[in-house]
């Protein structure tokens, strides 16, 4: 039994054997309005710009945190590697100098009280981290 070919404008579902034009979510007639997709290019571009700005902002924050952490690490390596013959007290400020032998040493003597090669002032925190004190 050969089935005859239906015309293009007839919506017939061959799997179920029914005419299903009435249940389609879109118009199927020849006189139906043209189906067009909305142009969302500008919407996408605006959101891409917003997302890129947000990601760059987060990246810049992470970069600043990373740089602060590296500086803290370098400061601690420098001060803990310096020569000193006393036990530093938490919360006190100490001064780092470069000796004539090229090695750093830590002192309680302030830079204005001596004429050594001053390298910076540091305070020991309760976490035993050296934090640079801005003069």
N, C-alpha and C. Protein backbone atom coordinates (compact mmCIF):
# COMPACT_ATOMS: atom_id res chain seq x y z
N UNK A 1 0.85 -1.17 0.00
CA UNK A 1 0.00 0.00 0.00
C UNK A 1 0.90 1.23 0.00
N UNK A 2 0.81 1.99 -0.99
CA UNK A 2 1.64 3.18 -1.09
C UNK A 2 0.85 4.40 -0.63
N UNK A 3 1.51 5.15 0.22
CA UNK A 3 0.86 6.37 0.70
C UNK A 3 1.16 7.48 -0.28
N UNK A 4 0.18 8.29 -0.48
CA UNK A 4 0.40 9.39 -1.41
C UNK A 4 1.07 10.56 -0.69
N UNK A 5 1.90 11.26 -1.38
CA UNK A 5 2.65 12.40 -0.85
C UNK A 5 1.68 13.54 -0.59
N UNK A 6 1.78 14.09 0.62
CA UNK A 6 0.93 15.22 0.99
C UNK A 6 1.55 16.50 0.45
N UNK A 7 0.77 17.49 0.14
CA UNK A 7 1.33 18.78 -0.30
C UNK A 7 2.13 19.43 0.83
N UNK A 8 3.05 20.32 0.49
CA UNK A 8 3.93 20.97 1.47
C UNK A 8 3.16 21.76 2.53
N UNK A 9 2.03 22.35 2.17
CA UNK A 9 1.32 23.16 3.14
C UNK A 9 0.53 22.32 4.14
N UNK A 10 0.41 21.03 3.92
CA UNK A 10 -0.32 20.15 4.84
C UNK A 10 0.68 19.63 5.88
N UNK A 11 0.34 19.80 7.15
CA UNK A 11 1.22 19.37 8.23
C UNK A 11 0.74 18.00 8.70
N UNK A 12 1.48 16.99 8.32
CA UNK A 12 1.11 15.62 8.62
C UNK A 12 2.30 14.93 9.28
N UNK A 13 2.05 14.31 10.43
CA UNK A 13 3.11 13.61 11.15
C UNK A 13 3.04 12.15 10.75
N UNK A 14 4.05 11.70 10.03
CA UNK A 14 4.02 10.34 9.52
C UNK A 14 4.25 9.31 10.62
N UNK A 15 4.90 9.65 11.69
CA UNK A 15 5.13 8.70 12.79
C UNK A 15 3.83 8.34 13.49
N UNK A 16 3.01 9.37 13.77
CA UNK A 16 1.74 9.11 14.47
C UNK A 16 0.57 8.96 13.52
N UNK A 17 0.76 9.37 12.29
CA UNK A 17 -0.30 9.27 11.30
C UNK A 17 -1.41 10.29 11.52
N UNK A 18 -1.07 11.44 12.05
CA UNK A 18 -2.09 12.46 12.33
C UNK A 18 -1.71 13.79 11.70
N UNK A 19 -2.73 14.62 11.54
CA UNK A 19 -2.52 16.01 11.11
C UNK A 19 -2.33 16.81 12.39
N UNK A 20 -1.21 17.46 12.54
CA UNK A 20 -0.93 18.11 13.82
C UNK A 20 -0.67 19.62 13.71
N UNK A 21 -1.19 20.26 12.73
CA UNK A 21 -0.99 21.71 12.57
C UNK A 21 -1.55 22.48 13.76
N UNK A 22 -2.61 21.98 14.38
CA UNK A 22 -3.25 22.70 15.48
C UNK A 22 -2.44 22.65 16.77
N UNK A 23 -1.56 21.66 16.91
CA UNK A 23 -0.81 21.54 18.17
C UNK A 23 0.63 22.03 18.07
N UNK A 24 1.04 22.50 16.92
CA UNK A 24 2.40 23.03 16.77
C UNK A 24 2.54 24.35 17.51
N UNK A 25 3.70 24.63 18.11
CA UNK A 25 3.89 25.89 18.85
C UNK A 25 4.14 27.09 17.92
N UNK A 26 4.12 26.88 16.64
CA UNK A 26 4.35 27.94 15.67
C UNK A 26 3.34 27.81 14.53
N UNK A 27 3.15 28.88 13.79
CA UNK A 27 2.21 28.86 12.66
C UNK A 27 2.81 28.06 11.52
N UNK A 28 1.96 27.28 10.86
CA UNK A 28 2.48 26.42 9.80
C UNK A 28 1.87 26.70 8.43
N UNK A 29 0.95 27.61 8.36
CA UNK A 29 0.30 27.91 7.09
C UNK A 29 1.16 28.78 6.20
N UNK A 30 0.86 28.76 4.92
CA UNK A 30 1.59 29.55 3.94
C UNK A 30 1.40 31.05 4.22
N UNK A 31 0.23 31.43 4.68
CA UNK A 31 -0.07 32.84 4.93
C UNK A 31 0.35 33.28 6.34
N UNK A 32 0.96 32.39 7.11
CA UNK A 32 1.38 32.71 8.48
C UNK A 32 2.51 33.73 8.46
N UNK A 33 2.62 34.54 9.51
CA UNK A 33 3.72 35.51 9.54
C UNK A 33 5.08 34.81 9.56
N UNK A 34 6.04 35.50 9.02
CA UNK A 34 7.40 34.96 8.93
C UNK A 34 7.99 34.81 10.34
N UNK A 35 8.63 33.70 10.59
CA UNK A 35 9.27 33.46 11.89
C UNK A 35 10.68 34.04 11.83
N UNK A 36 10.93 35.00 12.70
CA UNK A 36 12.26 35.62 12.76
C UNK A 36 12.78 35.54 14.19
N UNK A 37 14.05 35.36 14.30
CA UNK A 37 14.67 35.35 15.63
C UNK A 37 15.08 36.78 15.97
N UNK A 38 14.93 37.15 17.22
CA UNK A 38 15.31 38.52 17.59
C UNK A 38 16.82 38.70 17.50
N UNK A 39 17.21 39.93 17.17
CA UNK A 39 18.64 40.24 17.10
C UNK A 39 19.13 40.58 18.52
N UNK A 40 19.93 39.69 19.09
CA UNK A 40 20.40 39.88 20.47
C UNK A 40 21.89 40.22 20.50
N UNK A 41 22.42 40.65 19.38
CA UNK A 41 23.84 40.98 19.31
C UNK A 41 24.22 42.08 20.30
N UNK A 42 23.43 43.13 20.35
CA UNK A 42 23.77 44.23 21.27
C UNK A 42 23.63 43.77 22.72
N UNK A 43 22.63 42.96 23.01
CA UNK A 43 22.47 42.43 24.37
C UNK A 43 23.68 41.59 24.77
N UNK A 44 24.11 40.72 23.85
CA UNK A 44 25.29 39.89 24.13
C UNK A 44 26.52 40.77 24.34
N UNK A 45 26.71 41.76 23.49
CA UNK A 45 27.90 42.62 23.57
C UNK A 45 27.93 43.38 24.88
N UNK A 46 26.76 43.92 25.29
CA UNK A 46 26.70 44.64 26.57
C UNK A 46 27.05 43.71 27.73
N UNK A 47 26.51 42.52 27.73
CA UNK A 47 26.77 41.59 28.83
C UNK A 47 28.20 41.06 28.79
N UNK A 48 28.74 40.87 27.61
CA UNK A 48 30.15 40.45 27.51
C UNK A 48 31.04 41.53 28.12
N UNK A 49 30.74 42.80 27.80
CA UNK A 49 31.54 43.90 28.35
C UNK A 49 31.42 43.95 29.87
N UNK A 50 30.21 43.77 30.40
CA UNK A 50 30.02 43.78 31.85
C UNK A 50 30.77 42.63 32.51
N UNK A 51 30.66 41.44 31.95
CA UNK A 51 31.33 40.27 32.51
C UNK A 51 32.85 40.44 32.44
N UNK A 52 33.35 40.91 31.31
CA UNK A 52 34.80 41.12 31.18
C UNK A 52 35.30 42.14 32.18
N UNK A 53 34.52 43.21 32.41
CA UNK A 53 34.90 44.23 33.38
C UNK A 53 34.94 43.63 34.79
N UNK A 54 33.94 42.82 35.12
CA UNK A 54 33.88 42.19 36.45
C UNK A 54 35.04 41.23 36.65
N UNK A 55 35.33 40.44 35.65
CA UNK A 55 36.45 39.47 35.76
C UNK A 55 37.77 40.22 35.87
N UNK A 56 37.96 41.29 35.10
CA UNK A 56 39.20 42.07 35.18
C UNK A 56 39.33 42.70 36.56
N UNK A 57 38.22 43.18 37.11
CA UNK A 57 38.24 43.77 38.44
C UNK A 57 38.66 42.73 39.49
N UNK A 58 38.08 41.55 39.40
CA UNK A 58 38.46 40.47 40.32
C UNK A 58 39.91 40.08 40.14
N UNK A 59 40.37 40.02 38.89
CA UNK A 59 41.76 39.69 38.62
C UNK A 59 42.70 40.73 39.22
N UNK A 60 42.35 42.01 39.06
CA UNK A 60 43.19 43.08 39.61
C UNK A 60 43.26 42.99 41.14
N UNK A 61 42.13 42.64 41.77
CA UNK A 61 42.13 42.47 43.23
C UNK A 61 43.04 41.31 43.63
N UNK A 62 42.91 40.19 42.92
CA UNK A 62 43.76 39.03 43.22
C UNK A 62 45.23 39.35 43.00
N UNK A 63 45.51 40.10 41.93
CA UNK A 63 46.89 40.48 41.63
C UNK A 63 47.46 41.35 42.74
N UNK A 64 46.65 42.30 43.23
CA UNK A 64 47.11 43.17 44.32
C UNK A 64 47.34 42.37 45.60
N UNK A 65 46.46 41.42 45.88
CA UNK A 65 46.64 40.57 47.05
C UNK A 65 47.90 39.71 46.91
N UNK A 66 48.12 39.19 45.71
CA UNK A 66 49.30 38.38 45.45
C UNK A 66 50.58 39.21 45.64
N UNK A 67 50.57 40.42 45.08
CA UNK A 67 51.75 41.28 45.20
C UNK A 67 52.02 41.65 46.66
N UNK A 68 50.95 41.89 47.44
CA UNK A 68 51.11 42.20 48.86
C UNK A 68 51.68 40.99 49.61
N UNK A 69 51.22 39.80 49.24
CA UNK A 69 51.71 38.58 49.88
C UNK A 69 53.18 38.34 49.54
N UNK A 70 53.55 38.58 48.30
CA UNK A 70 54.96 38.41 47.89
C UNK A 70 55.83 39.41 48.62
N UNK A 71 55.37 40.66 48.78
CA UNK A 71 56.14 41.66 49.51
C UNK A 71 56.30 41.25 50.96
N UNK A 72 55.21 40.77 51.57
CA UNK A 72 55.27 40.32 52.96
C UNK A 72 56.28 39.17 53.10
N UNK A 73 56.25 38.24 52.14
CA UNK A 73 57.19 37.12 52.15
C UNK A 73 58.63 37.63 52.03
N UNK A 74 58.87 38.53 51.07
CA UNK A 74 60.22 39.08 50.87
C UNK A 74 60.71 39.83 52.10
N UNK A 75 59.81 40.64 52.70
CA UNK A 75 60.19 41.38 53.91
C UNK A 75 60.58 40.41 55.03
N UNK A 76 59.80 39.36 55.21
CA UNK A 76 60.10 38.39 56.27
C UNK A 76 61.39 37.63 55.99
N UNK A 77 61.64 37.29 54.74
CA UNK A 77 62.91 36.64 54.38
C UNK A 77 64.08 37.56 54.70
N UNK A 78 63.92 38.85 54.37
CA UNK A 78 64.98 39.82 54.58
C UNK A 78 65.27 40.01 56.07
N UNK A 79 64.22 40.23 56.87
CA UNK A 79 64.43 40.50 58.29
C UNK A 79 64.87 39.25 59.04
N UNK A 80 64.22 38.12 58.79
CA UNK A 80 64.63 36.89 59.48
C UNK A 80 66.03 36.46 59.06
N UNK A 81 66.45 36.86 57.85
CA UNK A 81 67.80 36.53 57.39
C UNK A 81 68.86 37.50 57.91
N UNK A 82 68.42 38.60 58.52
CA UNK A 82 69.35 39.61 59.03
C UNK A 82 69.99 39.11 60.33
N UNK A 83 71.09 39.72 60.66
CA UNK A 83 71.80 39.37 61.89
C UNK A 83 71.23 40.20 63.03
N UNK A 84 70.89 39.55 64.15
CA UNK A 84 70.52 40.24 65.37
C UNK A 84 70.76 39.30 66.54
N UNK A 85 71.13 39.87 67.67
CA UNK A 85 71.52 39.06 68.83
C UNK A 85 70.58 39.29 70.01
N UNK A 86 69.31 39.57 69.74
CA UNK A 86 68.33 39.77 70.79
C UNK A 86 67.03 39.13 70.33
N UNK A 87 66.12 38.87 71.27
CA UNK A 87 64.82 38.32 70.91
C UNK A 87 63.84 39.47 70.73
N UNK A 88 63.37 39.69 69.51
CA UNK A 88 62.45 40.80 69.26
C UNK A 88 61.13 40.64 70.04
N UNK A 89 60.57 41.75 70.46
CA UNK A 89 59.32 41.76 71.21
C UNK A 89 58.18 42.09 70.25
N UNK A 90 57.11 41.33 70.38
CA UNK A 90 55.93 41.54 69.53
C UNK A 90 55.41 42.96 69.73
N UNK A 91 55.13 43.64 68.62
CA UNK A 91 54.57 44.98 68.66
C UNK A 91 55.62 46.08 68.64
N UNK A 92 56.86 45.76 68.86
CA UNK A 92 57.92 46.77 68.86
C UNK A 92 58.44 46.98 67.44
N UNK A 93 58.97 48.17 67.19
CA UNK A 93 59.53 48.51 65.89
C UNK A 93 61.05 48.40 65.95
N UNK A 94 61.61 47.77 64.94
CA UNK A 94 63.06 47.60 64.83
C UNK A 94 63.50 48.15 63.48
N UNK A 95 64.78 48.45 63.38
CA UNK A 95 65.30 49.10 62.17
C UNK A 95 66.35 48.19 61.53
N UNK A 96 66.25 48.09 60.22
CA UNK A 96 67.14 47.23 59.46
C UNK A 96 68.18 48.10 58.75
N UNK A 97 69.43 47.65 58.85
CA UNK A 97 70.54 48.39 58.23
C UNK A 97 71.38 47.44 57.41
N UNK A 98 72.10 47.99 56.45
CA UNK A 98 73.04 47.22 55.64
C UNK A 98 74.43 47.49 56.19
N UNK A 99 75.09 46.41 56.62
CA UNK A 99 76.42 46.54 57.20
C UNK A 99 77.50 46.71 56.15
N UNK A 100 78.70 47.03 56.61
CA UNK A 100 79.84 47.23 55.69
C UNK A 100 80.22 45.94 54.98
N UNK A 101 79.87 44.79 55.60
CA UNK A 101 80.16 43.49 54.99
C UNK A 101 79.10 43.08 53.94
N UNK A 102 78.07 43.92 53.74
CA UNK A 102 77.04 43.63 52.74
C UNK A 102 75.88 42.84 53.30
N UNK A 103 75.92 42.50 54.59
CA UNK A 103 74.84 41.75 55.21
C UNK A 103 73.95 42.70 56.02
N UNK A 104 72.67 42.37 56.10
CA UNK A 104 71.74 43.18 56.87
C UNK A 104 71.83 42.84 58.35
N UNK A 105 71.56 43.84 59.20
CA UNK A 105 71.46 43.60 60.63
C UNK A 105 70.31 44.42 61.19
N UNK A 106 69.71 43.90 62.26
CA UNK A 106 68.55 44.51 62.89
C UNK A 106 68.98 45.22 64.17
N UNK A 107 68.40 46.38 64.42
CA UNK A 107 68.81 47.16 65.59
C UNK A 107 67.60 47.90 66.17
N UNK A 108 67.73 48.27 67.46
CA UNK A 108 66.71 49.09 68.11
C UNK A 108 67.02 50.57 67.93
N UNK A 109 68.19 50.89 67.41
CA UNK A 109 68.62 52.27 67.22
C UNK A 109 67.94 52.85 65.98
N UNK A 110 67.28 53.99 66.14
CA UNK A 110 66.55 54.64 65.05
C UNK A 110 67.51 55.25 64.04
N UNK A 111 67.10 55.40 62.80
CA UNK A 111 67.98 55.94 61.75
C UNK A 111 68.48 57.35 62.04
N UNK A 112 67.70 58.18 62.71
CA UNK A 112 68.15 59.53 63.00
C UNK A 112 69.17 59.56 64.14
N UNK A 113 69.35 58.44 64.84
CA UNK A 113 70.31 58.37 65.95
C UNK A 113 71.66 57.79 65.52
N UNK A 114 71.77 57.43 64.25
CA UNK A 114 73.02 56.85 63.77
C UNK A 114 73.23 57.24 62.31
N UNK A 115 74.34 56.84 61.75
CA UNK A 115 74.58 57.13 60.33
C UNK A 115 74.92 55.85 59.56
N UNK A 116 74.25 54.76 59.92
CA UNK A 116 74.38 53.50 59.18
C UNK A 116 73.51 53.55 57.93
N UNK A 117 73.75 52.61 57.04
CA UNK A 117 72.99 52.53 55.78
C UNK A 117 71.61 51.93 56.06
N UNK A 118 70.61 52.79 56.20
CA UNK A 118 69.25 52.41 56.60
C UNK A 118 68.53 51.66 55.47
N UNK A 119 67.87 50.53 55.82
CA UNK A 119 67.16 49.73 54.83
C UNK A 119 65.65 49.65 55.09
N UNK A 120 65.20 50.10 56.27
CA UNK A 120 63.76 50.07 56.54
C UNK A 120 63.47 49.77 58.00
N UNK A 121 62.24 50.08 58.40
CA UNK A 121 61.80 49.81 59.77
C UNK A 121 60.70 48.76 59.72
N UNK A 122 60.73 47.84 60.69
CA UNK A 122 59.80 46.72 60.70
C UNK A 122 59.26 46.50 62.10
N UNK A 123 58.00 46.05 62.17
CA UNK A 123 57.36 45.74 63.44
C UNK A 123 57.02 44.25 63.42
N UNK A 124 57.24 43.58 64.54
CA UNK A 124 56.92 42.15 64.66
C UNK A 124 55.47 42.01 65.10
N UNK A 125 54.65 41.31 64.30
CA UNK A 125 53.23 41.13 64.64
C UNK A 125 53.06 39.93 65.56
N UNK A 126 51.85 39.77 66.08
CA UNK A 126 51.57 38.65 66.98
C UNK A 126 51.65 37.30 66.27
N UNK A 127 51.57 37.32 64.95
CA UNK A 127 51.72 36.08 64.17
C UNK A 127 53.18 35.80 63.83
N UNK A 128 54.07 36.60 64.42
CA UNK A 128 55.52 36.50 64.19
C UNK A 128 55.90 36.84 62.75
N UNK A 129 55.12 37.71 62.15
CA UNK A 129 55.43 38.23 60.81
C UNK A 129 55.97 39.63 60.93
N UNK A 130 56.99 39.93 60.15
CA UNK A 130 57.56 41.28 60.12
C UNK A 130 56.76 42.11 59.13
N UNK A 131 56.27 43.25 59.61
CA UNK A 131 55.52 44.17 58.76
C UNK A 131 56.29 45.47 58.63
N UNK A 132 56.48 45.93 57.41
CA UNK A 132 57.23 47.17 57.21
C UNK A 132 56.44 48.36 57.74
N UNK A 133 57.12 49.23 58.45
CA UNK A 133 56.52 50.44 59.00
C UNK A 133 56.88 51.59 58.07
N UNK A 134 55.86 52.31 57.61
CA UNK A 134 56.11 53.46 56.74
C UNK A 134 56.60 54.63 57.58
N UNK A 135 57.66 55.23 57.14
CA UNK A 135 58.24 56.36 57.89
C UNK A 135 57.46 57.63 57.68
